[in-house]
Each structure stands twice: as C-alpha cells, then as structure tokens.
Amino acid sequence: RLSCAASGSIFSINDMGWYRQAPGKQREFVATITRRG
C-alpha cells in the first residue's frame, strides 16, 4: 500500500491519482479519484 500526503494549498485540490514509470518506458496512468470518490 502506498500513501501520499498533500500539504500547502490543499483546498484547491480536486482530483488526485497515481502514475508510474518503468525503466525505459514513458510515465503511464494508473488510477485517479475525484474529491467525491
């Protein structure tokens, strides 16, 4: 399980998500979640 904590102007955040990048490959989409879930 990975976690990611946001700080700063957090009131401005809408969607959050995860991407990944394997060696020699481009960064790719993994998952996103809206503020409402």
PDB file of all heavy atoms in Angstrom:
ATOM      1  N   ARG A   1       0.832  -1.194   0.000  1.00  0.00           N
ATOM      2  CA  ARG A   1       0.000   0.000   0.000  1.00  0.00           C
ATOM      3  C   ARG A   1       0.867   1.245   0.000  1.00  0.00           C
ATOM      4  O   ARG A   1       1.747   1.389   0.851  1.00  0.00           O
ATOM      5  CB  ARG A   1      -0.951   0.034   1.194  1.00  0.00           C
ATOM      6  CG  ARG A   1      -1.962   1.179   1.098  1.00  0.00           C
ATOM      7  CD  ARG A   1      -2.980   1.177   2.209  1.00  0.00           C
ATOM      8  NE  ARG A   1      -2.514   1.871   3.396  1.00  0.00           N
ATOM      9  CZ  ARG A   1      -3.315   2.477   4.264  1.00  0.00           C
ATOM     10  NH1 ARG A   1      -4.625   2.484   4.063  1.00  0.00           N
ATOM     11  NH2 ARG A   1      -2.820   3.075   5.340  1.00  0.00           N
ATOM     12  N   LEU A   2       0.597   2.126  -0.928  1.00  0.00           N
ATOM     13  CA  LEU A   2       1.257   3.416  -0.988  1.00  0.00           C
ATOM     14  C   LEU A   2       0.317   4.489  -0.457  1.00  0.00           C
ATOM     15  O   LEU A   2      -0.909   4.385  -0.614  1.00  0.00           O
ATOM     16  CB  LEU A   2       1.654   3.766  -2.419  1.00  0.00           C
ATOM     17  CG  LEU A   2       2.562   2.792  -3.151  1.00  0.00           C
ATOM     18  CD1 LEU A   2       2.829   3.284  -4.582  1.00  0.00           C
ATOM     19  CD2 LEU A   2       3.874   2.597  -2.419  1.00  0.00           C
ATOM     20  N   SER A   3       0.898   5.501   0.146  1.00  0.00           N
ATOM     21  CA  SER A   3       0.114   6.658   0.556  1.00  0.00           C
ATOM     22  C   SER A   3       0.807   7.923   0.083  1.00  0.00           C
ATOM     23  O   SER A   3       2.011   7.925  -0.192  1.00  0.00           O
ATOM     24  CB  SER A   3      -0.089   6.688   2.071  1.00  0.00           C
ATOM     25  OG  SER A   3       1.148   6.828   2.737  1.00  0.00           O
ATOM     26  N   CYS A   4       0.029   8.974  -0.002  1.00  0.00           N
ATOM     27  CA  CYS A   4       0.561  10.260  -0.458  1.00  0.00           C
ATOM     28  C   CYS A   4      -0.161  11.361   0.299  1.00  0.00           C
ATOM     29  O   CYS A   4      -1.391  11.478   0.197  1.00  0.00           O
ATOM     30  CB  CYS A   4       0.359  10.405  -1.958  1.00  0.00           C
ATOM     31  SG  CYS A   4       0.741  12.053  -2.611  1.00  0.00           S
ATOM     32  N   ALA A   5       0.599  12.146   1.030  1.00  0.00           N
ATOM     33  CA  ALA A   5       0.026  13.233   1.824  1.00  0.00           C
ATOM     34  C   ALA A   5       0.236  14.560   1.116  1.00  0.00           C
ATOM     35  O   ALA A   5       1.356  14.866   0.673  1.00  0.00           O
ATOM     36  CB  ALA A   5       0.675  13.267   3.197  1.00  0.00           C
ATOM     37  N   ALA A   6      -0.835  15.332   1.039  1.00  0.00           N
ATOM     38  CA  ALA A   6      -0.771  16.646   0.412  1.00  0.00           C
ATOM     39  C   ALA A   6      -0.696  17.735   1.470  1.00  0.00           C
ATOM     40  O   ALA A   6      -1.284  17.624   2.538  1.00  0.00           O
ATOM     41  CB  ALA A   6      -1.997  16.864  -0.467  1.00  0.00           C
ATOM     42  N   SER A   7       0.041  18.778   1.156  1.00  0.00           N
ATOM     43  CA  SER A   7       0.134  19.938   2.040  1.00  0.00           C
ATOM     44  C   SER A   7       0.197  21.192   1.171  1.00  0.00           C
ATOM     45  O   SER A   7       0.362  21.123  -0.041  1.00  0.00           O
ATOM     46  CB  SER A   7       1.342  19.844   2.951  1.00  0.00           C
ATOM     47  OG  SER A   7       2.536  19.806   2.198  1.00  0.00           O
ATOM     48  N   GLY A   8       0.069  22.319   1.818  1.00  0.00           N
ATOM     49  CA  GLY A   8       0.069  23.572   1.075  1.00  0.00           C
ATOM     50  C   GLY A   8      -1.347  24.018   0.797  1.00  0.00           C
ATOM     51  O   GLY A   8      -2.207  23.989   1.666  1.00  0.00           O
ATOM     52  N   SER A   9      -1.603  24.391  -0.434  1.00  0.00           N
ATOM     53  CA  SER A   9      -2.928  24.905  -0.831  1.00  0.00           C
ATOM     54  C   SER A   9      -3.888  23.753  -1.094  1.00  0.00           C
ATOM     55  O   SER A   9      -4.396  23.578  -2.207  1.00  0.00           O
ATOM     56  CB  SER A   9      -2.791  25.781  -2.070  1.00  0.00           C
ATOM     57  OG  SER A   9      -1.917  26.875  -1.830  1.00  0.00           O
ATOM     58  N   ILE A  10      -4.151  22.960  -0.063  1.00  0.00           N
ATOM     59  CA  ILE A  10      -4.931  21.729  -0.226  1.00  0.00           C
ATOM     60  C   ILE A  10      -6.383  22.005  -0.584  1.00  0.00           C
ATOM     61  O   ILE A  10      -7.046  21.158  -1.177  1.00  0.00           O
ATOM     62  CB  ILE A  10      -4.851  20.859   1.030  1.00  0.00           C
ATOM     63  CG1 ILE A  10      -5.270  21.661   2.262  1.00  0.00           C
ATOM     64  CG2 ILE A  10      -3.448  20.293   1.192  1.00  0.00           C
ATOM     65  CD1 ILE A  10      -5.293  20.866   3.536  1.00  0.00           C
ATOM     66  N   PHE A  11      -6.888  23.177  -0.248  1.00  0.00           N
ATOM     67  CA  PHE A  11      -8.278  23.497  -0.556  1.00  0.00           C
ATOM     68  C   PHE A  11      -8.499  23.569  -2.059  1.00  0.00           C
ATOM     69  O   PHE A  11      -9.616  23.482  -2.539  1.00  0.00           O
ATOM     70  CB  PHE A  11      -8.653  24.844   0.071  1.00  0.00           C
ATOM     71  CG  PHE A  11      -7.811  25.981  -0.423  1.00  0.00           C
ATOM     72  CD1 PHE A  11      -8.190  26.712  -1.548  1.00  0.00           C
ATOM     73  CD2 PHE A  11      -6.623  26.323   0.211  1.00  0.00           C
ATOM     74  CE1 PHE A  11      -7.410  27.750  -2.018  1.00  0.00           C
ATOM     75  CE2 PHE A  11      -5.839  27.360  -0.246  1.00  0.00           C
ATOM     76  CZ  PHE A  11      -6.236  28.073  -1.373  1.00  0.00           C
ATOM     77  N   SER A  12      -7.402  23.734  -2.790  1.00  0.00           N
ATOM     78  CA  SER A  12      -7.507  23.880  -4.242  1.00  0.00           C
ATOM     79  C   SER A  12      -7.467  22.554  -4.987  1.00  0.00           C
ATOM     80  O   SER A  12      -7.642  22.515  -6.199  1.00  0.00           O
ATOM     81  CB  SER A  12      -6.360  24.764  -4.748  1.00  0.00           C
ATOM     82  OG  SER A  12      -5.116  24.111  -4.573  1.00  0.00           O
ATOM     83  N   ILE A  13      -7.230  21.458  -4.260  1.00  0.00           N
ATOM     84  CA  ILE A  13      -7.074  20.157  -4.921  1.00  0.00           C
ATOM     85  C   ILE A  13      -8.426  19.587  -5.321  1.00  0.00           C
ATOM     86  O   ILE A  13      -9.357  19.557  -4.520  1.00  0.00           O
ATOM     87  CB  ILE A  13      -6.341  19.164  -4.009  1.00  0.00           C
ATOM     88  CG1 ILE A  13      -4.910  19.647  -3.754  1.00  0.00           C
ATOM     89  CG2 ILE A  13      -6.327  17.774  -4.631  1.00  0.00           C
ATOM     90  CD1 ILE A  13      -4.171  18.798  -2.748  1.00  0.00           C
ATOM     91  N   ASN A  14      -8.517  19.093  -6.528  1.00  0.00           N
ATOM     92  CA  ASN A  14      -9.711  18.389  -6.995  1.00  0.00           C
ATOM     93  C   ASN A  14      -9.376  16.899  -7.087  1.00  0.00           C
ATOM     94  O   ASN A  14      -9.381  16.197  -6.098  1.00  0.00           O
ATOM     95  CB  ASN A  14     -10.189  18.962  -8.318  1.00  0.00           C
ATOM     96  CG  ASN A  14     -10.651  20.395  -8.159  1.00  0.00           C
ATOM     97  OD1 ASN A  14     -11.378  20.727  -7.229  1.00  0.00           O
ATOM     98  ND2 ASN A  14     -10.188  21.268  -9.035  1.00  0.00           N
ATOM     99  N   ASP A  15      -9.033  16.439  -8.259  1.00  0.00           N
ATOM    100  CA  ASP A  15      -8.694  15.026  -8.430  1.00  0.00           C
ATOM    101  C   ASP A  15      -7.287  14.735  -7.911  1.00  0.00           C
ATOM    102  O   ASP A  15      -6.405  15.605  -7.949  1.00  0.00           O
ATOM    103  CB  ASP A  15      -8.756  14.636  -9.907  1.00  0.00           C
ATOM    104  CG  ASP A  15     -10.165  14.736 -10.466  1.00  0.00           C
ATOM    105  OD1 ASP A  15     -11.095  15.067  -9.701  1.00  0.00           O
ATOM    106  OD2 ASP A  15     -10.333  14.491 -11.668  1.00  0.00           O
ATOM    107  N   MET A  16      -7.095  13.497  -7.464  1.00  0.00           N
ATOM    108  CA  MET A  16      -5.761  13.009  -7.108  1.00  0.00           C
ATOM    109  C   MET A  16      -5.565  11.662  -7.792  1.00  0.00           C
ATOM    110  O   MET A  16      -6.539  11.005  -8.185  1.00  0.00           O
ATOM    111  CB  MET A  16      -5.602  12.867  -5.596  1.00  0.00           C
ATOM    112  CG  MET A  16      -5.736  14.185  -4.849  1.00  0.00           C
ATOM    113  SD  MET A  16      -5.384  14.029  -3.088  1.00  0.00           S
ATOM    114  CE  MET A  16      -3.574  13.922  -3.115  1.00  0.00           C
ATOM    115  N   GLY A  17      -4.314  11.261  -7.904  1.00  0.00           N
ATOM    116  CA  GLY A  17      -4.110   9.992  -8.590  1.00  0.00           C
ATOM    117  C   GLY A  17      -2.693   9.484  -8.505  1.00  0.00           C
ATOM    118  O   GLY A  17      -1.849  10.044  -7.791  1.00  0.00           O
ATOM    119  N   TRP A  18      -2.461   8.406  -9.235  1.00  0.00           N
ATOM    120  CA  TRP A  18      -1.156   7.765  -9.301  1.00  0.00           C
ATOM    121  C   TRP A  18      -0.790   7.475 -10.754  1.00  0.00           C
ATOM    122  O   TRP A  18      -1.646   7.042 -11.538  1.00  0.00           O
ATOM    123  CB  TRP A  18      -1.164   6.444  -8.528  1.00  0.00           C
ATOM    124  CG  TRP A  18      -1.356   6.613  -7.061  1.00  0.00           C
ATOM    125  CD1 TRP A  18      -2.543   6.637  -6.376  1.00  0.00           C
ATOM    126  CD2 TRP A  18      -0.335   6.803  -6.080  1.00  0.00           C
ATOM    127  NE1 TRP A  18      -2.322   6.822  -5.043  1.00  0.00           N
ATOM    128  CE2 TRP A  18      -0.971   6.917  -4.827  1.00  0.00           C
ATOM    129  CE3 TRP A  18       1.060   6.865  -6.124  1.00  0.00           C
ATOM    130  CZ2 TRP A  18      -0.266   7.107  -3.642  1.00  0.00           C
ATOM    131  CZ3 TRP A  18       1.763   7.045  -4.959  1.00  0.00           C
ATOM    132  CH2 TRP A  18       1.100   7.165  -3.725  1.00  0.00           C
ATOM    133  N   TYR A  19       0.454   7.714 -11.071  1.00  0.00           N
ATOM    134  CA  TYR A  19       1.065   7.313 -12.325  1.00  0.00           C
ATOM    135  C   TYR A  19       2.283   6.472 -11.980  1.00  0.00           C
ATOM    136  O   TYR A  19       2.721   6.444 -10.835  1.00  0.00           O
ATOM    137  CB  TYR A  19       1.488   8.539 -13.142  1.00  0.00           C
ATOM    138  CG  TYR A  19       0.372   9.194 -13.926  1.00  0.00           C
ATOM    139  CD1 TYR A  19      -0.698   9.791 -13.279  1.00  0.00           C
ATOM    140  CD2 TYR A  19       0.408   9.232 -15.317  1.00  0.00           C
ATOM    141  CE1 TYR A  19      -1.724  10.388 -14.003  1.00  0.00           C
ATOM    142  CE2 TYR A  19      -0.595   9.844 -16.040  1.00  0.00           C
ATOM    143  CZ  TYR A  19      -1.659  10.410 -15.379  1.00  0.00           C
ATOM    144  OH  TYR A  19      -2.663  11.008 -16.101  1.00  0.00           O
ATOM    145  N   ARG A  20       2.839   5.817 -12.981  1.00  0.00           N
ATOM    146  CA  ARG A  20       4.068   5.052 -12.761  1.00  0.00           C
ATOM    147  C   ARG A  20       4.946   5.106 -13.993  1.00  0.00           C
ATOM    148  O   ARG A  20       4.460   5.319 -15.103  1.00  0.00           O
ATOM    149  CB  ARG A  20       3.757   3.604 -12.390  1.00  0.00           C
ATOM    150  CG  ARG A  20       3.113   2.789 -13.494  1.00  0.00           C
ATOM    151  CD  ARG A  20       2.720   1.407 -12.972  1.00  0.00           C
ATOM    152  NE  ARG A  20       2.138   0.570 -14.030  1.00  0.00           N
ATOM    153  CZ  ARG A  20       1.608  -0.626 -13.820  1.00  0.00           C
ATOM    154  NH1 ARG A  20       1.586  -1.132 -12.572  1.00  0.00           N
ATOM    155  NH2 ARG A  20       1.105  -1.324 -14.817  1.00  0.00           N
ATOM    156  N   GLN A  21       6.238   4.893 -13.765  1.00  0.00           N
ATOM    157  CA  GLN A  21       7.197   4.885 -14.864  1.00  0.00           C
ATOM    158  C   GLN A  21       8.186   3.750 -14.662  1.00  0.00           C
ATOM    159  O   GLN A  21       8.940   3.738 -13.678  1.00  0.00           O
ATOM    160  CB  GLN A  21       7.934   6.216 -14.962  1.00  0.00           C
ATOM    161  CG  GLN A  21       8.809   6.335 -16.186  1.00  0.00           C
ATOM    162  CD  GLN A  21       9.272   7.762 -16.436  1.00  0.00           C
ATOM    163  OE1 GLN A  21       9.202   8.621 -15.558  1.00  0.00           O
ATOM    164  NE2 GLN A  21       9.721   8.037 -17.648  1.00  0.00           N
ATOM    165  N   ALA A  22       8.152   2.804 -15.585  1.00  0.00           N
ATOM    166  CA  ALA A  22       9.081   1.688 -15.559  1.00  0.00           C
ATOM    167  C   ALA A  22      10.346   2.076 -16.311  1.00  0.00           C
ATOM    168  O   ALA A  22      10.324   2.988 -17.159  1.00  0.00           O
ATOM    169  CB  ALA A  22       8.438   0.460 -16.195  1.00  0.00           C
ATOM    170  N   PRO A  23      11.468   1.395 -16.033  1.00  0.00           N
ATOM    171  CA  PRO A  23      12.715   1.718 -16.724  1.00  0.00           C
ATOM    172  C   PRO A  23      12.566   1.653 -18.243  1.00  0.00           C
ATOM    173  O   PRO A  23      12.034   0.670 -18.780  1.00  0.00           O
ATOM    174  CB  PRO A  23      13.675   0.650 -16.221  1.00  0.00           C
ATOM    175  CG  PRO A  23      13.131   0.245 -14.897  1.00  0.00           C
ATOM    176  CD  PRO A  23      11.639   0.338 -15.032  1.00  0.00           C
ATOM    177  N   GLY A  24      12.996   2.697 -18.915  1.00  0.00           N
ATOM    178  CA  GLY A  24      12.954   2.721 -20.374  1.00  0.00           C
ATOM    179  C   GLY A  24      11.589   2.974 -20.967  1.00  0.00           C
ATOM    180  O   GLY A  24      11.420   2.900 -22.191  1.00  0.00           O
ATOM    181  N   LYS A  25      10.602   3.260 -20.117  1.00  0.00           N
ATOM    182  CA  LYS A  25       9.244   3.484 -20.615  1.00  0.00           C
ATOM    183  C   LYS A  25       8.741   4.864 -20.212  1.00  0.00           C
ATOM    184  O   LYS A  25       9.288   5.498 -19.320  1.00  0.00           O
ATOM    185  CB  LYS A  25       8.306   2.405 -20.083  1.00  0.00           C
ATOM    186  CG  LYS A  25       8.613   1.010 -20.592  1.00  0.00           C
ATOM    187  CD  LYS A  25       7.538   0.031 -20.186  1.00  0.00           C
ATOM    188  CE  LYS A  25       7.797  -1.351 -20.753  1.00  0.00           C
ATOM    189  NZ  LYS A  25       6.737  -2.321 -20.379  1.00  0.00           N
ATOM    190  N   GLN A  26       7.682   5.282 -20.884  1.00  0.00           N
ATOM    191  CA  GLN A  26       7.077   6.561 -20.535  1.00  0.00           C
ATOM    192  C   GLN A  26       6.222   6.422 -19.278  1.00  0.00           C
ATOM    193  O   GLN A  26       5.761   5.317 -18.933  1.00  0.00           O
ATOM    194  CB  GLN A  26       6.208   7.057 -21.702  1.00  0.00           C
ATOM    195  CG  GLN A  26       6.997   7.486 -22.922  1.00  0.00           C
ATOM    196  CD  GLN A  26       6.113   8.158 -23.959  1.00  0.00           C
ATOM    197  OE1 GLN A  26       4.921   7.867 -24.060  1.00  0.00           O
ATOM    198  NE2 GLN A  26       6.683   9.071 -24.738  1.00  0.00           N
ATOM    199  N   ARG A  27       6.028   7.542 -18.615  1.00  0.00           N
ATOM    200  CA  ARG A  27       5.155   7.554 -17.447  1.00  0.00           C
ATOM    201  C   ARG A  27       3.735   7.232 -17.906  1.00  0.00           C
ATOM    202  O   ARG A  27       3.266   7.739 -18.919  1.00  0.00           O
ATOM    203  CB  ARG A  27       5.196   8.925 -16.774  1.00  0.00           C
ATOM    204  CG  ARG A  27       4.573   8.963 -15.409  1.00  0.00           C
ATOM    205  CD  ARG A  27       4.812  10.287 -14.722  1.00  0.00           C
ATOM    206  NE  ARG A  27       6.235  10.532 -14.484  1.00  0.00           N
ATOM    207  CZ  ARG A  27       6.692  11.545 -13.748  1.00  0.00           C
ATOM    208  NH1 ARG A  27       5.832  12.401 -13.186  1.00  0.00           N
ATOM    209  NH2 ARG A  27       7.978  11.717 -13.580  1.00  0.00           N
ATOM    210  N   GLU A  28       3.055   6.367 -17.147  1.00  0.00           N
ATOM    211  CA  GLU A  28       1.710   5.956 -17.542  1.00  0.00           C
ATOM    212  C   GLU A  28       0.717   6.105 -16.400  1.00  0.00           C
ATOM    213  O   GLU A  28       1.072   6.015 -15.228  1.00  0.00           O
ATOM    214  CB  GLU A  28       1.718   4.492 -18.033  1.00  0.00           C
ATOM    215  CG  GLU A  28       2.066   3.483 -16.970  1.00  0.00           C
ATOM    216  CD  GLU A  28       1.965   2.052 -17.477  1.00  0.00           C
ATOM    217  OE1 GLU A  28       1.764   1.821 -18.680  1.00  0.00           O
ATOM    218  OE2 GLU A  28       2.079   1.133 -16.618  1.00  0.00           O
ATOM    219  N   PHE A  29      -0.512   6.287 -16.785  1.00  0.00           N
ATOM    220  CA  PHE A  29      -1.625   6.434 -15.852  1.00  0.00           C
ATOM    221  C   PHE A  29      -1.880   5.125 -15.115  1.00  0.00           C
ATOM    222  O   PHE A  29      -1.845   4.046 -15.717  1.00  0.00           O
ATOM    223  CB  PHE A  29      -2.861   6.861 -16.638  1.00  0.00           C
ATOM    224  CG  PHE A  29      -4.151   6.698 -15.920  1.00  0.00           C
ATOM    225  CD1 PHE A  29      -4.508   7.578 -14.918  1.00  0.00           C
ATOM    226  CD2 PHE A  29      -5.007   5.661 -16.244  1.00  0.00           C
ATOM    227  CE1 PHE A  29      -5.712   7.438 -14.257  1.00  0.00           C
ATOM    228  CE2 PHE A  29      -6.210   5.502 -15.587  1.00  0.00           C
ATOM    229  CZ  PHE A  29      -6.569   6.399 -14.587  1.00  0.00           C
ATOM    230  N   VAL A  30      -2.161   5.229 -13.806  1.00  0.00           N
ATOM    231  CA  VAL A  30      -2.528   4.056 -13.013  1.00  0.00           C
ATOM    232  C   VAL A  30      -3.972   4.185 -12.523  1.00  0.00           C
ATOM    233  O   VAL A  30      -4.814   3.335 -12.806  1.00  0.00           O
ATOM    234  CB  VAL A  30      -1.577   3.863 -11.820  1.00  0.00           C
ATOM    235  CG1 VAL A  30      -2.039   2.705 -10.942  1.00  0.00           C
ATOM    236  CG2 VAL A  30      -0.144   3.635 -12.308  1.00  0.00           C
ATOM    237  N   ALA A  31      -4.246   5.255 -11.791  1.00  0.00           N
ATOM    238  CA  ALA A  31      -5.587   5.428 -11.229  1.00  0.00           C
ATOM    239  C   ALA A  31      -5.784   6.872 -10.805  1.00  0.00           C
ATOM    240  O   ALA A  31      -4.813   7.570 -10.488  1.00  0.00           O
ATOM    241  CB  ALA A  31      -5.798   4.505 -10.030  1.00  0.00           C
ATOM    242  N   THR A  32      -7.053   7.301 -10.804  1.00  0.00           N
ATOM    243  CA  THR A  32      -7.401   8.613 -10.276  1.00  0.00           C
ATOM    244  C   THR A  32      -8.647   8.507  -9.418  1.00  0.00           C
ATOM    245  O   THR A  32      -9.422   7.544  -9.537  1.00  0.00           O
ATOM    246  CB  THR A  32      -7.667   9.645 -11.388  1.00  0.00           C
ATOM    247  OG1 THR A  32      -8.685   9.141 -12.254  1.00  0.00           O
ATOM    248  CG2 THR A  32      -6.428   9.982 -12.174  1.00  0.00           C
ATOM    249  N   ILE A  33      -8.830   9.505  -8.560  1.00  0.00           N
ATOM    250  CA  ILE A  33     -10.002   9.569  -7.699  1.00  0.00           C
ATOM    251  C   ILE A  33     -10.413  11.034  -7.562  1.00  0.00           C
ATOM    252  O   ILE A  33      -9.570  11.906  -7.360  1.00  0.00           O
ATOM    253  CB  ILE A  33      -9.733   8.913  -6.328  1.00  0.00           C
ATOM    254  CG1 ILE A  33     -11.010   8.871  -5.483  1.00  0.00           C
ATOM    255  CG2 ILE A  33      -8.590   9.588  -5.598  1.00  0.00           C
ATOM    256  CD1 ILE A  33     -10.888   7.965  -4.259  1.00  0.00           C
ATOM    257  N   THR A  34     -11.714  11.274  -7.693  1.00  0.00           N
ATOM    258  CA  THR A  34     -12.212  12.632  -7.540  1.00  0.00           C
ATOM    259  C   THR A  34     -12.386  12.956  -6.058  1.00  0.00           C
ATOM    260  O   THR A  34     -12.284  12.082  -5.195  1.00  0.00           O
ATOM    261  CB  THR A  34     -13.568  12.799  -8.246  1.00  0.00           C
ATOM    262  OG1 THR A  34     -14.552  12.010  -7.550  1.00  0.00           O
ATOM    263  CG2 THR A  34     -13.496  12.330  -9.692  1.00  0.00           C
ATOM    264  N   ARG A  35     -12.671  14.209  -5.789  1.00  0.00           N
ATOM    265  CA  ARG A  35     -12.876  14.627  -4.405  1.00  0.00           C
ATOM    266  C   ARG A  35     -14.056  13.874  -3.781  1.00  0.00           C
ATOM    267  O   ARG A  35     -14.043  13.566  -2.586  1.00  0.00           O
ATOM    268  CB  ARG A  35     -13.110  16.129  -4.353  1.00  0.00           C
ATOM    269  CG  ARG A  35     -13.399  16.676  -2.970  1.00  0.00           C
ATOM    270  CD  ARG A  35     -13.425  18.197  -2.951  1.00  0.00           C
ATOM    271  NE  ARG A  35     -12.097  18.757  -3.007  1.00  0.00           N
ATOM    272  CZ  ARG A  35     -11.313  18.909  -1.939  1.00  0.00           C
ATOM    273  NH1 ARG A  35     -11.732  18.547  -0.747  1.00  0.00           N
ATOM    274  NH2 ARG A  35     -10.124  19.445  -2.063  1.00  0.00           N
ATOM    275  N   ARG A  36     -15.037  13.520  -4.608  1.00  0.00           N
ATOM    276  CA  ARG A  36     -16.223  12.806  -4.093  1.00  0.00           C
ATOM    277  C   ARG A  36     -16.063  11.296  -4.116  1.00  0.00           C
ATOM    278  O   ARG A  36     -16.977  10.574  -3.725  1.00  0.00           O
ATOM    279  CB  ARG A  36     -17.452  13.215  -4.907  1.00  0.00           C
ATOM    280  CG  ARG A  36     -17.862  14.648  -4.697  1.00  0.00           C
ATOM    281  CD  ARG A  36     -19.232  14.928  -5.283  1.00  0.00           C
ATOM    282  NE  ARG A  36     -19.717  16.262  -4.960  1.00  0.00           N
ATOM    283  CZ  ARG A  36     -20.947  16.697  -5.221  1.00  0.00           C
ATOM    284  NH1 ARG A  36     -21.810  15.905  -5.816  1.00  0.00           N
ATOM    285  NH2 ARG A  36     -21.300  17.921  -4.892  1.00  0.00           N
ATOM    286  N   GLY A  37     -14.905  10.809  -4.599  1.00  0.00           N
ATOM    287  CA  GLY A  37     -14.650   9.380  -4.530  1.00  0.00           C
ATOM    288  C   GLY A  37     -14.847   8.609  -5.822  1.00  0.00           C
ATOM    289  O   GLY A  37     -14.728   7.382  -5.829  1.00  0.00           O
TER     290      GLY A  37
END
